[in-house]
N, C-alpha and C. Protein backbone atom coordinates (compact mmCIF):
# COMPACT_ATOMS: atom_id res chain seq x y z
N MET A 1 -84.70 17.87 -82.19
CA MET A 1 -84.50 19.19 -82.73
C MET A 1 -83.68 19.10 -84.02
N ASP A 2 -84.22 19.60 -85.09
CA ASP A 2 -83.53 19.57 -86.37
C ASP A 2 -82.39 20.58 -86.36
N ARG A 3 -81.26 20.18 -86.87
CA ARG A 3 -80.14 21.10 -87.01
C ARG A 3 -79.72 21.08 -88.47
N PHE A 4 -79.04 22.12 -88.89
CA PHE A 4 -78.53 22.12 -90.25
C PHE A 4 -77.04 22.37 -90.21
N CYS A 5 -76.36 21.87 -91.22
CA CYS A 5 -74.93 22.10 -91.33
C CYS A 5 -74.71 23.54 -91.75
N SER A 6 -73.67 24.15 -91.21
CA SER A 6 -73.43 25.54 -91.54
C SER A 6 -72.07 25.72 -92.19
N LEU A 7 -71.97 26.76 -93.00
CA LEU A 7 -70.69 27.15 -93.57
C LEU A 7 -69.94 27.92 -92.50
N LYS A 8 -68.69 27.57 -92.27
CA LYS A 8 -67.93 28.22 -91.23
C LYS A 8 -66.66 28.89 -91.76
N LYS A 9 -66.06 28.32 -92.77
CA LYS A 9 -64.77 28.82 -93.23
C LYS A 9 -64.94 29.89 -94.30
N ASN A 10 -64.03 30.86 -94.28
CA ASN A 10 -64.07 31.96 -95.22
C ASN A 10 -63.97 31.46 -96.67
N LYS A 11 -63.16 30.43 -96.91
CA LYS A 11 -63.01 29.92 -98.29
C LYS A 11 -64.32 29.33 -98.80
N ASP A 12 -65.14 28.76 -97.93
CA ASP A 12 -66.45 28.25 -98.34
C ASP A 12 -67.38 29.39 -98.73
N PHE A 13 -67.39 30.45 -97.93
CA PHE A 13 -68.20 31.62 -98.26
C PHE A 13 -67.75 32.23 -99.59
N GLN A 14 -66.43 32.38 -99.76
CA GLN A 14 -65.90 32.98 -100.98
C GLN A 14 -66.22 32.14 -102.21
N SER A 15 -66.20 30.84 -102.07
CA SER A 15 -66.54 29.95 -103.17
C SER A 15 -67.99 30.15 -103.62
N VAL A 16 -68.89 30.28 -102.64
CA VAL A 16 -70.31 30.50 -102.97
C VAL A 16 -70.49 31.87 -103.62
N TYR A 17 -69.80 32.89 -103.09
CA TYR A 17 -69.91 34.23 -103.67
C TYR A 17 -69.41 34.26 -105.11
N ARG A 18 -68.29 33.58 -105.37
CA ARG A 18 -67.68 33.63 -106.71
C ARG A 18 -68.46 32.84 -107.75
N THR A 19 -68.91 31.65 -107.39
CA THR A 19 -69.49 30.77 -108.41
C THR A 19 -70.99 30.55 -108.27
N GLY A 20 -71.60 31.11 -107.21
CA GLY A 20 -73.03 30.90 -107.00
C GLY A 20 -73.88 31.94 -107.69
N ARG A 21 -75.19 31.66 -107.76
CA ARG A 21 -76.18 32.62 -108.28
C ARG A 21 -76.78 33.36 -107.11
N SER A 22 -77.23 34.59 -107.37
CA SER A 22 -77.82 35.36 -106.28
C SER A 22 -79.16 35.94 -106.69
N HIS A 23 -80.04 36.03 -105.72
CA HIS A 23 -81.32 36.72 -105.84
C HIS A 23 -81.51 37.51 -104.56
N ALA A 24 -82.30 38.58 -104.65
CA ALA A 24 -82.47 39.45 -103.49
C ALA A 24 -83.92 39.90 -103.36
N ASN A 25 -84.29 40.29 -102.16
CA ASN A 25 -85.54 40.98 -101.89
C ASN A 25 -85.24 42.06 -100.85
N PRO A 26 -86.19 42.83 -100.40
CA PRO A 26 -85.87 43.95 -99.49
C PRO A 26 -85.22 43.53 -98.16
N TYR A 27 -85.43 42.31 -97.71
CA TYR A 27 -84.90 41.88 -96.42
C TYR A 27 -83.60 41.09 -96.52
N LEU A 28 -83.48 40.23 -97.54
CA LEU A 28 -82.36 39.29 -97.61
C LEU A 28 -81.79 39.20 -99.01
N VAL A 29 -80.54 38.74 -99.08
CA VAL A 29 -79.90 38.35 -100.34
C VAL A 29 -79.47 36.90 -100.15
N MET A 30 -79.68 36.06 -101.16
CA MET A 30 -79.30 34.66 -101.04
C MET A 30 -78.43 34.25 -102.23
N TYR A 31 -77.26 33.69 -101.91
CA TYR A 31 -76.38 33.10 -102.91
C TYR A 31 -76.52 31.59 -102.80
N VAL A 32 -76.59 30.92 -103.95
CA VAL A 32 -76.75 29.47 -103.96
C VAL A 32 -75.74 28.86 -104.92
N LYS A 33 -75.07 27.80 -104.45
CA LYS A 33 -74.11 27.07 -105.28
C LYS A 33 -74.38 25.58 -105.12
N LYS A 34 -74.48 24.87 -106.24
CA LYS A 34 -74.69 23.42 -106.20
C LYS A 34 -73.37 22.75 -105.86
N THR A 35 -73.44 21.80 -104.93
CA THR A 35 -72.25 21.04 -104.55
C THR A 35 -72.29 19.69 -105.26
N GLY A 36 -71.20 19.00 -105.23
CA GLY A 36 -71.13 17.71 -105.89
C GLY A 36 -71.89 16.63 -105.16
N SER A 37 -71.99 16.74 -103.85
CA SER A 37 -72.63 15.69 -103.06
C SER A 37 -74.13 15.94 -102.95
N GLU A 38 -74.85 14.89 -102.66
CA GLU A 38 -76.30 14.99 -102.45
C GLU A 38 -76.62 14.95 -100.97
N GLY A 39 -75.69 15.40 -100.14
CA GLY A 39 -75.92 15.43 -98.70
C GLY A 39 -76.80 16.60 -98.32
N GLU A 40 -76.68 17.00 -97.06
CA GLU A 40 -77.50 18.10 -96.57
C GLU A 40 -77.04 19.42 -97.16
N ASN A 41 -77.94 20.39 -97.12
CA ASN A 41 -77.58 21.75 -97.49
C ASN A 41 -76.77 22.37 -96.37
N ARG A 42 -75.77 23.16 -96.76
CA ARG A 42 -75.01 23.92 -95.77
C ARG A 42 -75.43 25.38 -95.89
N VAL A 43 -75.65 26.02 -94.76
CA VAL A 43 -76.16 27.38 -94.74
C VAL A 43 -75.16 28.28 -94.01
N GLY A 44 -74.84 29.42 -94.61
CA GLY A 44 -74.03 30.44 -93.97
C GLY A 44 -74.85 31.71 -93.85
N ILE A 45 -74.75 32.39 -92.72
CA ILE A 45 -75.52 33.60 -92.48
C ILE A 45 -74.56 34.75 -92.22
N SER A 46 -74.79 35.87 -92.89
CA SER A 46 -73.94 37.04 -92.73
C SER A 46 -74.80 38.26 -92.43
N VAL A 47 -74.46 38.97 -91.36
CA VAL A 47 -75.17 40.19 -90.98
C VAL A 47 -74.10 41.25 -90.72
N SER A 48 -74.08 42.31 -91.53
CA SER A 48 -73.04 43.32 -91.41
C SER A 48 -73.37 44.35 -90.34
N LYS A 49 -72.40 45.18 -90.03
CA LYS A 49 -72.57 46.23 -89.02
C LYS A 49 -73.54 47.31 -89.46
N LYS A 50 -73.85 47.37 -90.74
CA LYS A 50 -74.83 48.34 -91.24
C LYS A 50 -76.22 48.06 -90.67
N VAL A 51 -76.48 46.82 -90.32
CA VAL A 51 -77.80 46.43 -89.81
C VAL A 51 -78.04 47.02 -88.43
N GLY A 52 -77.02 47.07 -87.60
CA GLY A 52 -77.20 47.63 -86.26
C GLY A 52 -76.10 47.19 -85.32
N ASN A 53 -76.30 47.42 -84.03
CA ASN A 53 -75.29 47.00 -83.05
C ASN A 53 -75.35 45.48 -82.86
N SER A 54 -74.51 44.97 -81.98
CA SER A 54 -74.37 43.52 -81.87
C SER A 54 -75.66 42.84 -81.42
N VAL A 55 -76.44 43.50 -80.58
CA VAL A 55 -77.70 42.92 -80.11
C VAL A 55 -78.67 42.76 -81.28
N VAL A 56 -78.78 43.79 -82.11
CA VAL A 56 -79.69 43.76 -83.26
C VAL A 56 -79.21 42.74 -84.28
N ARG A 57 -77.90 42.72 -84.55
CA ARG A 57 -77.35 41.76 -85.53
C ARG A 57 -77.59 40.33 -85.08
N HIS A 58 -77.40 40.06 -83.80
CA HIS A 58 -77.59 38.70 -83.30
C HIS A 58 -79.07 38.30 -83.36
N ARG A 59 -79.97 39.22 -83.09
CA ARG A 59 -81.41 38.93 -83.19
C ARG A 59 -81.79 38.57 -84.61
N VAL A 60 -81.29 39.34 -85.59
CA VAL A 60 -81.58 39.06 -86.99
C VAL A 60 -81.00 37.70 -87.38
N LYS A 61 -79.79 37.42 -86.92
CA LYS A 61 -79.16 36.14 -87.23
C LYS A 61 -79.95 34.97 -86.63
N ARG A 62 -80.46 35.13 -85.41
CA ARG A 62 -81.27 34.08 -84.79
C ARG A 62 -82.56 33.85 -85.56
N LEU A 63 -83.20 34.94 -86.03
CA LEU A 63 -84.43 34.80 -86.81
C LEU A 63 -84.17 34.03 -88.11
N ILE A 64 -83.08 34.38 -88.80
CA ILE A 64 -82.74 33.71 -90.05
C ILE A 64 -82.40 32.24 -89.79
N ARG A 65 -81.63 31.97 -88.74
CA ARG A 65 -81.24 30.60 -88.43
C ARG A 65 -82.45 29.73 -88.12
N GLU A 66 -83.38 30.26 -87.33
CA GLU A 66 -84.59 29.50 -86.99
C GLU A 66 -85.45 29.25 -88.22
N SER A 67 -85.57 30.26 -89.06
CA SER A 67 -86.34 30.10 -90.28
C SER A 67 -85.71 29.05 -91.20
N CYS A 68 -84.40 29.05 -91.30
CA CYS A 68 -83.70 28.03 -92.09
C CYS A 68 -83.88 26.65 -91.48
N ARG A 69 -83.78 26.56 -90.17
CA ARG A 69 -83.91 25.26 -89.50
C ARG A 69 -85.26 24.62 -89.78
N LEU A 70 -86.31 25.44 -89.78
CA LEU A 70 -87.65 24.89 -89.97
C LEU A 70 -88.02 24.67 -91.43
N ASN A 71 -87.43 25.43 -92.35
CA ASN A 71 -87.87 25.38 -93.74
C ASN A 71 -86.89 24.75 -94.72
N CYS A 72 -85.63 24.59 -94.35
CA CYS A 72 -84.66 24.04 -95.29
C CYS A 72 -84.81 22.53 -95.47
N GLY A 73 -85.57 21.88 -94.60
CA GLY A 73 -85.79 20.45 -94.74
C GLY A 73 -86.62 20.11 -95.97
N GLN A 74 -87.46 21.05 -96.42
CA GLN A 74 -88.29 20.80 -97.60
C GLN A 74 -87.62 21.23 -98.90
N ALA A 75 -86.41 21.78 -98.80
CA ALA A 75 -85.69 22.24 -99.99
C ALA A 75 -84.93 21.08 -100.63
N LEU A 76 -84.55 21.25 -101.88
CA LEU A 76 -83.71 20.27 -102.56
C LEU A 76 -82.38 20.16 -101.84
N LYS A 77 -81.76 18.97 -101.88
CA LYS A 77 -80.52 18.72 -101.16
C LYS A 77 -79.31 18.94 -102.08
N GLY A 78 -78.16 19.16 -101.46
CA GLY A 78 -76.91 19.27 -102.20
C GLY A 78 -76.55 20.68 -102.62
N TYR A 79 -76.88 21.67 -101.80
CA TYR A 79 -76.58 23.06 -102.12
C TYR A 79 -75.89 23.74 -100.95
N ASP A 80 -75.05 24.72 -101.27
CA ASP A 80 -74.51 25.63 -100.28
C ASP A 80 -75.26 26.94 -100.41
N LEU A 81 -75.78 27.45 -99.30
CA LEU A 81 -76.55 28.69 -99.29
C LEU A 81 -75.85 29.71 -98.41
N VAL A 82 -75.78 30.94 -98.88
CA VAL A 82 -75.32 32.05 -98.04
C VAL A 82 -76.44 33.07 -98.01
N VAL A 83 -76.92 33.38 -96.81
CA VAL A 83 -78.00 34.34 -96.63
C VAL A 83 -77.40 35.60 -96.01
N ILE A 84 -77.62 36.74 -96.66
CA ILE A 84 -77.09 38.02 -96.19
C ILE A 84 -78.26 38.90 -95.80
N ALA A 85 -78.23 39.43 -94.59
CA ALA A 85 -79.30 40.30 -94.11
C ALA A 85 -79.06 41.72 -94.61
N ARG A 86 -80.12 42.37 -95.09
CA ARG A 86 -80.05 43.76 -95.50
C ARG A 86 -80.49 44.66 -94.34
N GLU A 87 -80.27 45.97 -94.49
CA GLU A 87 -80.59 46.91 -93.42
C GLU A 87 -82.06 46.88 -93.03
N LYS A 88 -82.94 46.64 -93.98
CA LYS A 88 -84.38 46.64 -93.69
C LYS A 88 -84.78 45.50 -92.76
N SER A 89 -83.95 44.46 -92.67
CA SER A 89 -84.29 43.32 -91.80
C SER A 89 -84.15 43.67 -90.32
N ARG A 90 -83.61 44.83 -90.01
CA ARG A 90 -83.41 45.26 -88.62
C ARG A 90 -84.70 45.21 -87.82
N GLY A 91 -85.78 45.74 -88.35
CA GLY A 91 -87.04 45.78 -87.62
C GLY A 91 -88.03 44.73 -88.07
N ALA A 92 -87.57 43.73 -88.80
CA ALA A 92 -88.48 42.73 -89.36
C ALA A 92 -88.93 41.72 -88.31
N THR A 93 -90.14 41.22 -88.48
CA THR A 93 -90.65 40.18 -87.61
C THR A 93 -90.24 38.81 -88.15
N TYR A 94 -90.48 37.79 -87.34
CA TYR A 94 -90.15 36.43 -87.76
C TYR A 94 -90.91 36.04 -89.02
N GLN A 95 -92.20 36.43 -89.11
CA GLN A 95 -93.01 36.09 -90.28
C GLN A 95 -92.46 36.76 -91.55
N GLU A 96 -91.99 37.99 -91.43
CA GLU A 96 -91.44 38.68 -92.60
C GLU A 96 -90.14 38.03 -93.06
N ILE A 97 -89.28 37.66 -92.11
CA ILE A 97 -88.02 37.00 -92.45
C ILE A 97 -88.30 35.64 -93.10
N THR A 98 -89.23 34.88 -92.53
CA THR A 98 -89.57 33.57 -93.10
C THR A 98 -90.15 33.71 -94.50
N GLY A 99 -91.03 34.67 -94.69
CA GLY A 99 -91.60 34.91 -96.01
C GLY A 99 -90.53 35.30 -97.02
N ALA A 100 -89.59 36.14 -96.60
CA ALA A 100 -88.50 36.55 -97.50
C ALA A 100 -87.61 35.36 -97.84
N LEU A 101 -87.31 34.52 -96.86
CA LEU A 101 -86.46 33.35 -97.11
C LEU A 101 -87.14 32.37 -98.06
N LEU A 102 -88.42 32.09 -97.83
CA LEU A 102 -89.14 31.17 -98.72
C LEU A 102 -89.27 31.74 -100.12
N SER A 103 -89.45 33.04 -100.24
CA SER A 103 -89.53 33.69 -101.54
C SER A 103 -88.22 33.51 -102.31
N LEU A 104 -87.09 33.68 -101.62
CA LEU A 104 -85.79 33.51 -102.27
C LEU A 104 -85.55 32.04 -102.64
N MET A 105 -85.99 31.13 -101.78
CA MET A 105 -85.82 29.71 -102.11
C MET A 105 -86.64 29.33 -103.33
N ARG A 106 -87.84 29.92 -103.47
CA ARG A 106 -88.65 29.66 -104.66
C ARG A 106 -87.99 30.26 -105.91
N SER A 107 -87.42 31.44 -105.78
CA SER A 107 -86.80 32.07 -106.95
C SER A 107 -85.54 31.32 -107.40
N HIS A 108 -84.91 30.61 -106.47
CA HIS A 108 -83.76 29.76 -106.82
C HIS A 108 -84.20 28.35 -107.21
N HIS A 109 -85.50 28.09 -107.23
CA HIS A 109 -86.07 26.77 -107.56
C HIS A 109 -85.59 25.68 -106.62
N LEU A 110 -85.50 26.00 -105.35
CA LEU A 110 -85.09 25.01 -104.35
C LEU A 110 -86.29 24.33 -103.69
N LEU A 111 -87.47 24.90 -103.80
CA LEU A 111 -88.67 24.31 -103.21
C LEU A 111 -89.47 23.55 -104.23
């Protein structure tokens, strides 16, 4: 089972927000920051309370995490990514989330 490294600390998220580039679509917003190392990509996922209650937020987070797990292996290495779910992602299917994530990765030239 492929796993990916995740951003866990607030200072890591803040660093990506401050110095990274962002692109958005109706479902997701993605911030990307190049790191010095050529190791694995680190991914952070954020879903706010605007999206829904805890059950809905966790479902959206699971969809994003699974999509990242399966598709981030083909992306360029050495980046920190922060994916933020928008309100429209509440009722989105797995295919819509995956399409939105791949679209953002293409717009950041990671694929």
